[in-house]
Amino acid sequence: ATSPVTPDLGVVSDTFWRLPNVKRSAHPFAFAAAGPQAEQIISDPLPLPPHSPASPVARVHELDGQVLLLGVGHDANTT
């Protein structure tokens, strides 16, 4: 996928997926991941709804991953 993220997600998200070795899904609700399990996280077609138990977010949870929030609380967490 090459289109930019929506403006409401911000410059950090847009910059992250463009970094070398970051994998990004091709789905309209794109997810991006880096690291040794990135391909595993984003490889399958994204289910609907995009936060279902088969989603990239669920895979990150299963892998004991974490969510990084910068300058906001969990009330602004979109994952």
Protein backbone atom coordinates (compact mmCIF):
# COMPACT_ATOMS: atom_id res chain seq x y z
CA ALA A 1 0.00 0.00 0.00
CA THR A 2 1.32 3.43 -0.86
CA SER A 3 -1.42 5.87 0.06
CA PRO A 4 -0.89 8.11 3.09
CA VAL A 5 -2.76 7.53 6.32
CA THR A 6 -5.79 9.69 7.01
CA PRO A 7 -4.87 13.10 8.47
CA ASP A 8 -6.59 12.36 11.78
CA LEU A 9 -4.07 9.55 12.45
CA GLY A 10 -1.17 11.97 12.22
CA VAL A 11 2.38 12.25 10.99
CA VAL A 12 3.80 9.56 13.30
CA SER A 13 1.64 6.84 11.74
CA ASP A 14 2.38 8.08 8.24
CA THR A 15 6.13 8.23 8.91
CA PHE A 16 6.24 4.80 10.60
CA TRP A 17 4.83 2.78 7.71
CA ARG A 18 7.30 4.40 5.31
CA LEU A 19 10.37 3.31 7.32
CA PRO A 20 12.62 0.56 5.92
CA ASN A 21 11.64 -2.95 7.02
CA VAL A 22 8.13 -1.90 8.10
CA LYS A 23 5.42 -4.14 6.66
CA ARG A 24 2.01 -2.65 5.83
CA SER A 25 -1.15 -4.50 4.94
CA ALA A 26 -2.88 -3.76 1.64
CA HIS A 27 -6.33 -3.47 3.21
CA PRO A 28 -8.24 -0.14 3.29
CA PHE A 29 -7.99 -0.34 7.12
CA ALA A 30 -4.21 -0.77 6.81
CA PHE A 31 -2.04 -1.94 9.68
CA ALA A 32 1.74 -1.56 9.82
CA ALA A 33 4.22 -3.61 11.83
CA ALA A 34 7.97 -3.85 12.33
CA GLY A 35 10.16 -6.56 13.75
CA PRO A 36 10.64 -10.30 13.38
CA GLN A 37 6.90 -11.06 13.55
CA ALA A 38 5.68 -8.16 11.39
CA GLU A 39 4.72 -10.37 8.46
CA GLN A 40 2.79 -12.70 10.76
CA ILE A 41 0.88 -9.73 12.19
CA ILE A 42 -0.25 -8.19 8.89
CA SER A 43 -0.14 -11.12 6.42
CA ASP A 44 -3.72 -12.41 6.45
CA PRO A 45 -6.60 -10.55 4.83
CA LEU A 46 -8.06 -8.14 7.35
CA PRO A 47 -11.35 -9.46 8.71
CA LEU A 48 -14.42 -7.35 9.24
CA PRO A 49 -14.82 -5.84 11.68
CA PRO A 50 -11.14 -4.85 11.57
CA HIS A 51 -10.68 -5.39 15.33
CA SER A 52 -12.08 -8.92 15.47
CA PRO A 53 -10.31 -11.86 17.18
CA ALA A 54 -8.56 -12.64 13.85
CA SER A 55 -7.25 -9.09 13.40
CA PRO A 56 -3.69 -7.74 13.47
CA VAL A 57 -4.48 -6.13 16.84
CA ALA A 58 -5.47 -9.55 18.21
CA ARG A 59 -2.24 -11.06 16.83
CA VAL A 60 -0.19 -8.37 18.57
CA HIS A 61 -2.02 -9.17 21.80
CA GLU A 62 -1.36 -12.92 21.36
CA LEU A 63 2.35 -12.14 20.85
CA ASP A 64 2.43 -10.05 24.06
CA GLY A 65 2.92 -6.89 22.01
CA GLN A 66 2.27 -3.40 23.26
CA VAL A 67 0.59 -0.22 22.05
CA LEU A 68 2.60 3.01 22.13
CA LEU A 69 0.61 6.16 22.87
CA LEU A 70 2.36 9.53 22.62
CA GLY A 71 0.85 12.45 24.49
CA VAL A 72 -2.61 10.90 24.87
CA GLY A 73 -4.39 8.57 27.26
CA HIS A 74 -6.05 5.27 26.47
CA ASP A 75 -9.31 7.14 25.83
CA ALA A 76 -7.69 8.17 22.52
CA ASN A 77 -6.41 4.66 21.72
CA THR A 78 -7.68 3.62 18.28
CA THR A 79 -6.39 0.05 18.37
